[in-house]
Amino acid sequence: MTCSPAPLTGTGFTASPVAADGKLYFTSEEGEVYVVRAGETFELLATNALDEVTMASPAISEGALLFRTRSHLVAVRAGGGRTPAGE
């Protein structure tokens, strides 16, 4: 695996990236989640806003991505959108 500079914006990235389903998820401290296709060339698939400061690395459990923002725990599932965890 090699890494090269990628055109991801944001003030910083404290959270570790995670990988699932052929995609890499990078969460900026500003709460932007960048979805990049895993592969030899950089391809940004989506940018999603959590609308809050996010310093923690996402977790993956039972088909959901879990993001801990400053005051919320957000679960994201394929086709299910974004909901507070536990609902």
N, C-alpha and C. Protein backbone atom coordinates (compact mmCIF):
# COMPACT_ATOMS: atom_id res chain seq x y z
N MET A 1 0.84 -1.16 0.00
CA MET A 1 0.00 0.00 0.00
C MET A 1 0.89 1.23 0.00
N THR A 2 0.58 2.17 -0.83
CA THR A 2 1.30 3.44 -0.83
C THR A 2 0.31 4.57 -0.61
N CYS A 3 0.80 5.64 -0.05
CA CYS A 3 -0.03 6.82 0.18
C CYS A 3 0.62 7.99 -0.51
N SER A 4 -0.19 8.82 -1.09
CA SER A 4 0.32 10.04 -1.70
C SER A 4 -0.57 11.19 -1.26
N PRO A 5 -0.09 12.41 -1.37
CA PRO A 5 -0.93 13.54 -0.97
C PRO A 5 -2.26 13.51 -1.72
N ALA A 6 -3.31 13.69 -1.00
CA ALA A 6 -4.64 13.66 -1.59
C ALA A 6 -5.32 14.99 -1.38
N PRO A 7 -6.21 15.36 -2.26
CA PRO A 7 -6.87 16.66 -2.15
C PRO A 7 -8.00 16.68 -1.13
N LEU A 8 -7.72 16.30 0.11
CA LEU A 8 -8.72 16.38 1.16
C LEU A 8 -8.52 17.69 1.89
N THR A 9 -9.59 18.42 2.09
CA THR A 9 -9.49 19.70 2.78
C THR A 9 -9.87 19.52 4.23
N GLY A 10 -9.68 20.53 5.01
CA GLY A 10 -10.01 20.45 6.43
C GLY A 10 -8.85 21.00 7.24
N THR A 11 -9.14 21.37 8.47
CA THR A 11 -8.09 21.94 9.30
C THR A 11 -7.19 20.88 9.89
N GLY A 12 -7.65 19.66 9.99
CA GLY A 12 -6.83 18.61 10.54
C GLY A 12 -7.58 17.30 10.60
N PHE A 13 -6.80 16.25 10.75
CA PHE A 13 -7.37 14.91 10.83
C PHE A 13 -6.75 14.22 12.04
N THR A 14 -7.47 14.22 13.15
CA THR A 14 -7.02 13.54 14.37
C THR A 14 -7.46 12.08 14.35
N ALA A 15 -8.66 11.82 13.86
CA ALA A 15 -9.21 10.47 13.82
C ALA A 15 -8.46 9.60 12.81
N SER A 16 -8.29 8.34 13.13
CA SER A 16 -7.70 7.39 12.19
C SER A 16 -8.72 7.05 11.11
N PRO A 17 -8.27 6.85 9.87
CA PRO A 17 -9.20 6.41 8.84
C PRO A 17 -9.63 4.97 9.09
N VAL A 18 -10.79 4.61 8.56
CA VAL A 18 -11.26 3.23 8.62
C VAL A 18 -11.61 2.77 7.22
N ALA A 19 -11.63 1.46 7.01
CA ALA A 19 -11.94 0.89 5.70
C ALA A 19 -13.09 -0.09 5.82
N ALA A 20 -13.99 -0.03 4.85
CA ALA A 20 -15.12 -0.97 4.79
C ALA A 20 -15.68 -0.97 3.37
N ASP A 21 -16.06 -2.13 2.89
CA ASP A 21 -16.77 -2.25 1.62
C ASP A 21 -16.03 -1.59 0.46
N GLY A 22 -14.70 -1.71 0.44
CA GLY A 22 -13.92 -1.15 -0.66
C GLY A 22 -13.78 0.36 -0.61
N LYS A 23 -14.07 0.95 0.54
CA LYS A 23 -13.98 2.40 0.69
C LYS A 23 -13.14 2.74 1.92
N LEU A 24 -12.52 3.92 1.89
CA LEU A 24 -11.79 4.47 3.03
C LEU A 24 -12.57 5.68 3.52
N TYR A 25 -12.68 5.81 4.84
CA TYR A 25 -13.42 6.92 5.45
C TYR A 25 -12.45 7.75 6.28
N PHE A 26 -12.31 9.03 5.91
CA PHE A 26 -11.44 9.97 6.61
C PHE A 26 -12.33 11.03 7.26
N THR A 27 -12.21 11.21 8.56
CA THR A 27 -13.04 12.17 9.28
C THR A 27 -12.19 13.34 9.74
N SER A 28 -12.53 14.54 9.29
CA SER A 28 -11.78 15.72 9.70
C SER A 28 -12.25 16.21 11.06
N GLU A 29 -11.42 17.02 11.70
CA GLU A 29 -11.79 17.60 12.99
C GLU A 29 -13.00 18.51 12.88
N GLU A 30 -13.28 19.02 11.68
CA GLU A 30 -14.44 19.88 11.44
C GLU A 30 -15.73 19.07 11.30
N GLY A 31 -15.62 17.73 11.26
CA GLY A 31 -16.79 16.89 11.13
C GLY A 31 -17.19 16.56 9.71
N GLU A 32 -16.25 16.70 8.78
CA GLU A 32 -16.49 16.29 7.40
C GLU A 32 -15.96 14.87 7.22
N VAL A 33 -16.77 14.00 6.65
CA VAL A 33 -16.34 12.63 6.38
C VAL A 33 -16.12 12.49 4.88
N TYR A 34 -14.88 12.19 4.51
CA TYR A 34 -14.52 12.01 3.11
C TYR A 34 -14.50 10.52 2.80
N VAL A 35 -15.21 10.13 1.77
CA VAL A 35 -15.28 8.72 1.36
C VAL A 35 -14.45 8.58 0.08
N VAL A 36 -13.43 7.73 0.14
CA VAL A 36 -12.51 7.55 -0.96
C VAL A 36 -12.52 6.08 -1.37
N ARG A 37 -12.54 5.84 -2.68
CA ARG A 37 -12.48 4.45 -3.16
C ARG A 37 -11.08 3.90 -2.87
N ALA A 38 -11.03 2.70 -2.29
CA ALA A 38 -9.75 2.03 -2.04
C ALA A 38 -9.21 1.57 -3.39
N GLY A 39 -8.00 1.96 -3.70
CA GLY A 39 -7.42 1.55 -4.98
C GLY A 39 -6.13 2.29 -5.25
N GLU A 40 -5.62 2.08 -6.43
CA GLU A 40 -4.32 2.64 -6.82
C GLU A 40 -4.38 4.13 -7.11
N THR A 41 -5.53 4.63 -7.53
CA THR A 41 -5.66 6.05 -7.84
C THR A 41 -6.68 6.70 -6.90
N PHE A 42 -6.46 7.97 -6.62
CA PHE A 42 -7.35 8.69 -5.72
C PHE A 42 -8.68 8.97 -6.41
N GLU A 43 -9.77 8.58 -5.75
CA GLU A 43 -11.12 8.88 -6.25
C GLU A 43 -12.01 9.22 -5.07
N LEU A 44 -12.35 10.49 -4.93
CA LEU A 44 -13.25 10.94 -3.88
C LEU A 44 -14.68 10.61 -4.29
N LEU A 45 -15.35 9.77 -3.50
CA LEU A 45 -16.72 9.35 -3.82
C LEU A 45 -17.77 10.27 -3.21
N ALA A 46 -17.50 10.79 -2.02
CA ALA A 46 -18.50 11.63 -1.35
C ALA A 46 -17.84 12.40 -0.22
N THR A 47 -18.49 13.48 0.16
CA THR A 47 -18.14 14.23 1.36
C THR A 47 -19.43 14.42 2.14
N ASN A 48 -19.42 14.04 3.41
CA ASN A 48 -20.62 14.10 4.24
C ASN A 48 -20.33 14.90 5.51
N ALA A 49 -21.25 15.78 5.87
CA ALA A 49 -21.06 16.64 7.04
C ALA A 49 -21.74 16.05 8.27
N LEU A 50 -20.99 15.97 9.36
CA LEU A 50 -21.56 15.57 10.64
C LEU A 50 -22.03 16.80 11.43
N ASP A 51 -21.69 17.98 10.95
CA ASP A 51 -22.14 19.25 11.53
C ASP A 51 -21.66 19.49 12.96
N GLU A 52 -20.56 18.85 13.35
CA GLU A 52 -20.02 19.03 14.69
C GLU A 52 -18.55 18.63 14.71
N VAL A 53 -17.82 19.17 15.64
CA VAL A 53 -16.42 18.78 15.81
C VAL A 53 -16.35 17.28 16.07
N THR A 54 -15.42 16.61 15.38
CA THR A 54 -15.26 15.17 15.51
C THR A 54 -13.78 14.84 15.63
N MET A 55 -13.41 14.32 16.79
CA MET A 55 -12.01 14.00 17.04
C MET A 55 -11.75 12.49 17.12
N ALA A 56 -12.79 11.71 17.37
CA ALA A 56 -12.64 10.27 17.58
C ALA A 56 -12.66 9.51 16.25
N SER A 57 -11.95 8.40 16.21
CA SER A 57 -11.98 7.53 15.04
C SER A 57 -13.33 6.83 14.95
N PRO A 58 -13.86 6.67 13.73
CA PRO A 58 -15.13 5.95 13.58
C PRO A 58 -14.97 4.48 13.95
N ALA A 59 -16.08 3.87 14.30
CA ALA A 59 -16.11 2.43 14.56
C ALA A 59 -17.04 1.78 13.54
N ILE A 60 -16.86 0.50 13.31
CA ILE A 60 -17.71 -0.25 12.39
C ILE A 60 -18.30 -1.41 13.17
N SER A 61 -19.64 -1.54 13.12
CA SER A 61 -20.31 -2.61 13.85
C SER A 61 -21.61 -2.97 13.16
N GLU A 62 -21.80 -4.24 12.89
CA GLU A 62 -23.04 -4.77 12.33
C GLU A 62 -23.54 -3.97 11.14
N GLY A 63 -22.62 -3.66 10.22
CA GLY A 63 -23.00 -2.97 8.99
C GLY A 63 -23.20 -1.48 9.12
N ALA A 64 -22.85 -0.91 10.26
CA ALA A 64 -23.01 0.53 10.47
C ALA A 64 -21.67 1.17 10.77
N LEU A 65 -21.52 2.42 10.32
CA LEU A 65 -20.39 3.25 10.72
C LEU A 65 -20.86 4.10 11.87
N LEU A 66 -20.08 4.15 12.94
CA LEU A 66 -20.44 4.92 14.13
C LEU A 66 -19.45 6.07 14.29
N PHE A 67 -19.98 7.29 14.37
CA PHE A 67 -19.17 8.49 14.51
C PHE A 67 -19.50 9.16 15.83
N ARG A 68 -18.49 9.48 16.61
CA ARG A 68 -18.68 10.19 17.87
C ARG A 68 -18.30 11.64 17.63
N THR A 69 -19.28 12.53 17.66
CA THR A 69 -19.02 13.95 17.52
C THR A 69 -18.88 14.54 18.92
N ARG A 70 -18.77 15.84 19.01
CA ARG A 70 -18.62 16.48 20.31
C ARG A 70 -19.76 16.12 21.26
N SER A 71 -21.00 16.03 20.76
CA SER A 71 -22.13 15.78 21.66
C SER A 71 -23.10 14.71 21.18
N HIS A 72 -22.75 13.97 20.11
CA HIS A 72 -23.65 12.94 19.60
C HIS A 72 -22.88 11.69 19.20
N LEU A 73 -23.59 10.57 19.18
CA LEU A 73 -23.10 9.34 18.58
C LEU A 73 -24.00 9.09 17.39
N VAL A 74 -23.42 9.08 16.19
CA VAL A 74 -24.19 8.99 14.96
C VAL A 74 -23.90 7.65 14.29
N ALA A 75 -24.97 6.92 13.92
CA ALA A 75 -24.84 5.65 13.20
C ALA A 75 -25.28 5.88 11.75
N VAL A 76 -24.48 5.39 10.81
CA VAL A 76 -24.79 5.51 9.39
C VAL A 76 -24.82 4.11 8.81
N ARG A 77 -25.92 3.79 8.16
CA ARG A 77 -26.08 2.48 7.51
C ARG A 77 -26.38 2.68 6.03
N ALA A 78 -25.97 1.74 5.20
CA ALA A 78 -26.27 1.80 3.77
C ALA A 78 -27.78 1.86 3.57
N GLY A 79 -28.23 2.86 2.83
CA GLY A 79 -29.65 3.00 2.55
C GLY A 79 -30.48 3.52 3.71
N GLY A 80 -29.86 3.69 4.88
CA GLY A 80 -30.61 4.10 6.05
C GLY A 80 -30.40 5.54 6.47
N GLY A 81 -29.42 6.20 5.84
CA GLY A 81 -29.16 7.58 6.21
C GLY A 81 -28.46 7.70 7.55
N ARG A 82 -28.57 8.87 8.13
CA ARG A 82 -27.87 9.19 9.36
C ARG A 82 -28.89 9.31 10.48
N THR A 83 -28.68 8.59 11.57
CA THR A 83 -29.60 8.66 12.71
C THR A 83 -28.79 8.63 14.00
N PRO A 84 -29.32 9.22 15.07
CA PRO A 84 -28.64 9.06 16.36
C PRO A 84 -28.57 7.58 16.72
N ALA A 85 -27.44 7.14 17.21
CA ALA A 85 -27.28 5.73 17.58
C ALA A 85 -28.30 5.34 18.65
N GLY A 86 -28.78 4.13 18.55
CA GLY A 86 -29.75 3.63 19.54
C GLY A 86 -31.19 3.74 19.08
N GLU A 87 -31.40 4.37 17.91
CA GLU A 87 -32.78 4.48 17.41
C GLU A 87 -33.06 3.41 16.40
